[in-house]
Amino acid sequence: MSKRGFSLIELLVVIGILGVLVAVGIFMYFEAVRQAKRTVHFYNIKLIKEALEIYYLKK
């Protein structure tokens, strides 16, 4: 008797591994987005600070 296909246990293991990989990938994606937003906010604050310094020096 030749074995054709995969057993239920094998399929469940693969689905479980894929689920873990997807969860980690989603977490890393949202962490990267959060870090990018933080960097943009930091540079916006720096730009506003420099603009205020220029404004008060010219005044």
PDB file of N, CA and C in Angstrom:
ATOM      1  N   MET A   1       0.849  -1.175   0.000  1.00  0.00           N
ATOM      2  CA  MET A   1       0.000   0.000   0.000  1.00  0.00           C
ATOM      3  C   MET A   1       0.894   1.237   0.000  1.00  0.00           C
ATOM      4  N   SER A   2       0.769   2.055  -1.005  1.00  0.00           N
ATOM      5  CA  SER A   2       1.591   3.264  -1.071  1.00  0.00           C
ATOM      6  C   SER A   2       0.883   4.399  -0.337  1.00  0.00           C
ATOM      7  N   LYS A   3       1.688   5.215   0.313  1.00  0.00           N
ATOM      8  CA  LYS A   3       1.149   6.339   1.088  1.00  0.00           C
ATOM      9  C   LYS A   3       1.037   7.547   0.165  1.00  0.00           C
ATOM     10  N   ARG A   4      -0.157   8.079   0.030  1.00  0.00           N
ATOM     11  CA  ARG A   4      -0.378   9.246  -0.815  1.00  0.00           C
ATOM     12  C   ARG A   4      -0.926  10.365   0.047  1.00  0.00           C
ATOM     13  N   GLY A   5      -0.375  11.569  -0.117  1.00  0.00           N
ATOM     14  CA  GLY A   5      -0.876  12.722   0.618  1.00  0.00           C
ATOM     15  C   GLY A   5      -0.222  12.861   1.982  1.00  0.00           C
ATOM     16  N   PHE A   6      -0.788  13.750   2.764  1.00  0.00           N
ATOM     17  CA  PHE A   6      -0.261  14.043   4.094  1.00  0.00           C
ATOM     18  C   PHE A   6      -1.281  13.646   5.149  1.00  0.00           C
ATOM     19  N   SER A   7      -0.789  13.302   6.322  1.00  0.00           N
ATOM     20  CA  SER A   7      -1.700  12.958   7.411  1.00  0.00           C
ATOM     21  C   SER A   7      -2.231  14.241   8.049  1.00  0.00           C
ATOM     22  N   LEU A   8      -3.277  14.099   8.823  1.00  0.00           N
ATOM     23  CA  LEU A   8      -3.892  15.246   9.492  1.00  0.00           C
ATOM     24  C   LEU A   8      -2.903  15.902  10.450  1.00  0.00           C
ATOM     25  N   ILE A   9      -2.126  15.118  11.160  1.00  0.00           N
ATOM     26  CA  ILE A   9      -1.143  15.656  12.104  1.00  0.00           C
ATOM     27  C   ILE A   9      -0.103  16.497  11.363  1.00  0.00           C
ATOM     28  N   GLU A  10       0.379  16.010  10.238  1.00  0.00           N
ATOM     29  CA  GLU A  10       1.371  16.766   9.463  1.00  0.00           C
ATOM     30  C   GLU A  10       0.802  18.106   8.998  1.00  0.00           C
ATOM     31  N   LEU A  11      -0.432  18.093   8.540  1.00  0.00           N
ATOM     32  CA  LEU A  11      -1.061  19.334   8.093  1.00  0.00           C
ATOM     33  C   LEU A  11      -1.264  20.301   9.254  1.00  0.00           C
ATOM     34  N   LEU A  12      -1.670  19.796  10.410  1.00  0.00           N
ATOM     35  CA  LEU A  12      -1.865  20.662  11.574  1.00  0.00           C
ATOM     36  C   LEU A  12      -0.549  21.271  12.042  1.00  0.00           C
ATOM     37  N   VAL A  13       0.523  20.505  11.987  1.00  0.00           N
ATOM     38  CA  VAL A  13       1.837  21.030  12.377  1.00  0.00           C
ATOM     39  C   VAL A  13       2.253  22.153  11.431  1.00  0.00           C
ATOM     40  N   VAL A  14       2.078  21.953  10.140  1.00  0.00           N
ATOM     41  CA  VAL A  14       2.441  22.982   9.162  1.00  0.00           C
ATOM     42  C   VAL A  14       1.592  24.232   9.355  1.00  0.00           C
ATOM     43  N   ILE A  15       0.297  24.062   9.569  1.00  0.00           N
ATOM     44  CA  ILE A  15      -0.587  25.206   9.796  1.00  0.00           C
ATOM     45  C   ILE A  15      -0.187  25.940  11.071  1.00  0.00           C
ATOM     46  N   GLY A  16       0.176  25.208  12.111  1.00  0.00           N
ATOM     47  CA  GLY A  16       0.625  25.833  13.357  1.00  0.00           C
ATOM     48  C   GLY A  16       1.894  26.645  13.163  1.00  0.00           C
ATOM     49  N   ILE A  17       2.847  26.083  12.448  1.00  0.00           N
ATOM     50  CA  ILE A  17       4.103  26.796  12.187  1.00  0.00           C
ATOM     51  C   ILE A  17       3.836  28.053  11.362  1.00  0.00           C
ATOM     52  N   LEU A  18       3.003  27.940  10.345  1.00  0.00           N
ATOM     53  CA  LEU A  18       2.659  29.112   9.531  1.00  0.00           C
ATOM     54  C   LEU A  18       1.953  30.177  10.365  1.00  0.00           C
ATOM     55  N   GLY A  19       1.092  29.754  11.277  1.00  0.00           N
ATOM     56  CA  GLY A  19       0.407  30.702  12.150  1.00  0.00           C
ATOM     57  C   GLY A  19       1.379  31.481  13.019  1.00  0.00           C
ATOM     58  N   VAL A  20       2.360  30.787  13.568  1.00  0.00           N
ATOM     59  CA  VAL A  20       3.369  31.456  14.398  1.00  0.00           C
ATOM     60  C   VAL A  20       4.177  32.440  13.555  1.00  0.00           C
ATOM     61  N   LEU A  21       4.583  32.023  12.367  1.00  0.00           N
ATOM     62  CA  LEU A  21       5.356  32.913  11.492  1.00  0.00           C
ATOM     63  C   LEU A  21       4.560  34.153  11.097  1.00  0.00           C
ATOM     64  N   VAL A  22       3.287  33.984  10.796  1.00  0.00           N
ATOM     65  CA  VAL A  22       2.440  35.122  10.438  1.00  0.00           C
ATOM     66  C   VAL A  22       2.286  36.063  11.628  1.00  0.00           C
ATOM     67  N   ALA A  23       2.075  35.511  12.820  1.00  0.00           N
ATOM     68  CA  ALA A  23       1.928  36.346  14.014  1.00  0.00           C
ATOM     69  C   ALA A  23       3.189  37.160  14.274  1.00  0.00           C
ATOM     70  N   VAL A  24       4.342  36.541  14.162  1.00  0.00           N
ATOM     71  CA  VAL A  24       5.608  37.255  14.369  1.00  0.00           C
ATOM     72  C   VAL A  24       5.792  38.316  13.289  1.00  0.00           C
ATOM     73  N   GLY A  25       5.464  37.994  12.061  1.00  0.00           N
ATOM     74  CA  GLY A  25       5.587  38.960  10.968  1.00  0.00           C
ATOM     75  C   GLY A  25       4.693  40.170  11.162  1.00  0.00           C
ATOM     76  N   ILE A  26       3.466  39.948  11.593  1.00  0.00           N
ATOM     77  CA  ILE A  26       2.543  41.059  11.839  1.00  0.00           C
ATOM     78  C   ILE A  26       3.059  41.931  12.974  1.00  0.00           C
ATOM     79  N   PHE A  27       3.542  41.305  14.042  1.00  0.00           N
ATOM     80  CA  PHE A  27       4.092  42.069  15.165  1.00  0.00           C
ATOM     81  C   PHE A  27       5.265  42.923  14.709  1.00  0.00           C
ATOM     82  N   MET A  28       6.167  42.361  13.916  1.00  0.00           N
ATOM     83  CA  MET A  28       7.340  43.104  13.455  1.00  0.00           C
ATOM     84  C   MET A  28       6.936  44.242  12.514  1.00  0.00           C
ATOM     85  N   TYR A  29       5.920  44.023  11.693  1.00  0.00           N
ATOM     86  CA  TYR A  29       5.443  45.071  10.790  1.00  0.00           C
ATOM     87  C   TYR A  29       4.916  46.260  11.583  1.00  0.00           C
ATOM     88  N   PHE A  30       4.051  46.005  12.566  1.00  0.00           N
ATOM     89  CA  PHE A  30       3.484  47.103  13.344  1.00  0.00           C
ATOM     90  C   PHE A  30       4.540  47.796  14.197  1.00  0.00           C
ATOM     91  N   GLU A  31       5.529  47.061  14.651  1.00  0.00           N
ATOM     92  CA  GLU A  31       6.634  47.669  15.394  1.00  0.00           C
ATOM     93  C   GLU A  31       7.437  48.596  14.484  1.00  0.00           C
ATOM     94  N   ALA A  32       7.670  48.196  13.247  1.00  0.00           N
ATOM     95  CA  ALA A  32       8.396  49.039  12.294  1.00  0.00           C
ATOM     96  C   ALA A  32       7.599  50.301  11.963  1.00  0.00           C
ATOM     97  N   VAL A  33       6.290  50.166  11.809  1.00  0.00           N
ATOM     98  CA  VAL A  33       5.440  51.326  11.541  1.00  0.00           C
ATOM     99  C   VAL A  33       5.478  52.288  12.722  1.00  0.00           C
ATOM    100  N   ARG A  34       5.405  51.754  13.938  1.00  0.00           N
ATOM    101  CA  ARG A  34       5.451  52.591  15.140  1.00  0.00           C
ATOM    102  C   ARG A  34       6.776  53.337  15.229  1.00  0.00           C
ATOM    103  N   GLN A  35       7.862  52.652  14.947  1.00  0.00           N
ATOM    104  CA  GLN A  35       9.186  53.278  14.997  1.00  0.00           C
ATOM    105  C   GLN A  35       9.316  54.358  13.922  1.00  0.00           C
ATOM    106  N   ALA A  36       8.776  54.116  12.743  1.00  0.00           N
ATOM    107  CA  ALA A  36       8.831  55.113  11.671  1.00  0.00           C
ATOM    108  C   ALA A  36       8.047  56.364  12.053  1.00  0.00           C
ATOM    109  N   LYS A  37       6.878  56.186  12.649  1.00  0.00           N
ATOM    110  CA  LYS A  37       6.086  57.339  13.086  1.00  0.00           C
ATOM    111  C   LYS A  37       6.813  58.119  14.167  1.00  0.00           C
ATOM    112  N   ARG A  38       7.460  57.405  15.080  1.00  0.00           N
ATOM    113  CA  ARG A  38       8.214  58.063  16.147  1.00  0.00           C
ATOM    114  C   ARG A  38       9.348  58.901  15.552  1.00  0.00           C
ATOM    115  N   THR A  39      10.030  58.367  14.556  1.00  0.00           N
ATOM    116  CA  THR A  39      11.122  59.102  13.908  1.00  0.00           C
ATOM    117  C   THR A  39      10.601  60.353  13.211  1.00  0.00           C
ATOM    118  N   VAL A  40       9.474  60.238  12.519  1.00  0.00           N
ATOM    119  CA  VAL A  40       8.881  61.398  11.847  1.00  0.00           C
ATOM    120  C   VAL A  40       8.502  62.455  12.869  1.00  0.00           C
ATOM    121  N   HIS A  41       7.900  62.061  13.985  1.00  0.00           N
ATOM    122  CA  HIS A  41       7.519  63.020  15.026  1.00  0.00           C
ATOM    123  C   HIS A  41       8.751  63.713  15.602  1.00  0.00           C
ATOM    124  N   PHE A  42       9.813  62.951  15.805  1.00  0.00           N
ATOM    125  CA  PHE A  42      11.040  63.519  16.352  1.00  0.00           C
ATOM    126  C   PHE A  42      11.585  64.605  15.426  1.00  0.00           C
ATOM    127  N   TYR A  43      11.649  64.324  14.132  1.00  0.00           N
ATOM    128  CA  TYR A  43      12.185  65.306  13.191  1.00  0.00           C
ATOM    129  C   TYR A  43      11.244  66.490  13.007  1.00  0.00           C
ATOM    130  N   ASN A  44       9.940  66.279  13.114  1.00  0.00           N
ATOM    131  CA  ASN A  44       9.002  67.401  13.051  1.00  0.00           C
ATOM    132  C   ASN A  44       9.196  68.335  14.238  1.00  0.00           C
ATOM    133  N   ILE A  45       9.380  67.775  15.421  1.00  0.00           N
ATOM    134  CA  ILE A  45       9.616  68.598  16.609  1.00  0.00           C
ATOM    135  C   ILE A  45      10.932  69.360  16.466  1.00  0.00           C
ATOM    136  N   LYS A  46      11.950  68.691  15.951  1.00  0.00           N
ATOM    137  CA  LYS A  46      13.247  69.340  15.736  1.00  0.00           C
ATOM    138  C   LYS A  46      13.103  70.496  14.745  1.00  0.00           C
ATOM    139  N   LEU A  47      12.345  70.301  13.681  1.00  0.00           N
ATOM    140  CA  LEU A  47      12.135  71.338  12.675  1.00  0.00           C
ATOM    141  C   LEU A  47      11.388  72.532  13.267  1.00  0.00           C
ATOM    142  N   ILE A  48      10.370  72.278  14.065  1.00  0.00           N
ATOM    143  CA  ILE A  48       9.620  73.358  14.714  1.00  0.00           C
ATOM    144  C   ILE A  48      10.528  74.133  15.660  1.00  0.00           C
ATOM    145  N   LYS A  49      11.355  73.424  16.420  1.00  0.00           N
ATOM    146  CA  LYS A  49      12.288  74.077  17.343  1.00  0.00           C
ATOM    147  C   LYS A  49      13.239  75.000  16.582  1.00  0.00           C
ATOM    148  N   GLU A  50      13.802  74.505  15.483  1.00  0.00           N
ATOM    149  CA  GLU A  50      14.725  75.322  14.691  1.00  0.00           C
ATOM    150  C   GLU A  50      14.011  76.523  14.075  1.00  0.00           C
ATOM    151  N   ALA A  51      12.781  76.350  13.622  1.00  0.00           N
ATOM    152  CA  ALA A  51      12.020  77.462  13.051  1.00  0.00           C
ATOM    153  C   ALA A  51      11.741  78.516  14.113  1.00  0.00           C
ATOM    154  N   LEU A  52      11.412  78.095  15.330  1.00  0.00           N
ATOM    155  CA  LEU A  52      11.176  79.054  16.412  1.00  0.00           C
ATOM    156  C   LEU A  52      12.450  79.797  16.779  1.00  0.00           C
ATOM    157  N   GLU A  53      13.574  79.096  16.791  1.00  0.00           N
ATOM    158  CA  GLU A  53      14.845  79.762  17.090  1.00  0.00           C
ATOM    159  C   GLU A  53      15.157  80.822  16.039  1.00  0.00           C
ATOM    160  N   ILE A  54      14.952  80.504  14.772  1.00  0.00           N
ATOM    161  CA  ILE A  54      15.191  81.475  13.698  1.00  0.00           C
ATOM    162  C   ILE A  54      14.239  82.657  13.841  1.00  0.00           C
ATOM    163  N   TYR A  55      12.988  82.389  14.146  1.00  0.00           N
ATOM    164  CA  TYR A  55      11.995  83.448  14.307  1.00  0.00           C
ATOM    165  C   TYR A  55      12.401  84.402  15.426  1.00  0.00           C
ATOM    166  N   TYR A  56      12.794  83.862  16.578  1.00  0.00           N
ATOM    167  CA  TYR A  56      13.146  84.719  17.709  1.00  0.00           C
ATOM    168  C   TYR A  56      14.483  85.429  17.502  1.00  0.00           C
ATOM    169  N   LEU A  57      15.394  84.860  16.726  1.00  0.00           N
ATOM    170  CA  LEU A  57      16.655  85.539  16.443  1.00  0.00           C
ATOM    171  C   LEU A  57      16.449  86.720  15.493  1.00  0.00           C
ATOM    172  N   LYS A  58      15.500  86.606  14.576  1.00  0.00           N
ATOM    173  CA  LYS A  58      15.224  87.695  13.636  1.00  0.00           C
ATOM    174  C   LYS A  58      14.380  88.793  14.269  1.00  0.00           C
ATOM    175  N   LYS A  59      13.698  88.496  15.321  1.00  0.00           N
ATOM    176  CA  LYS A  59      12.770  89.432  15.952  1.00  0.00           C
ATOM    177  C   LYS A  59      13.469  90.559  16.636  1.00  0.00           C
TER     178      LYS A  59
END
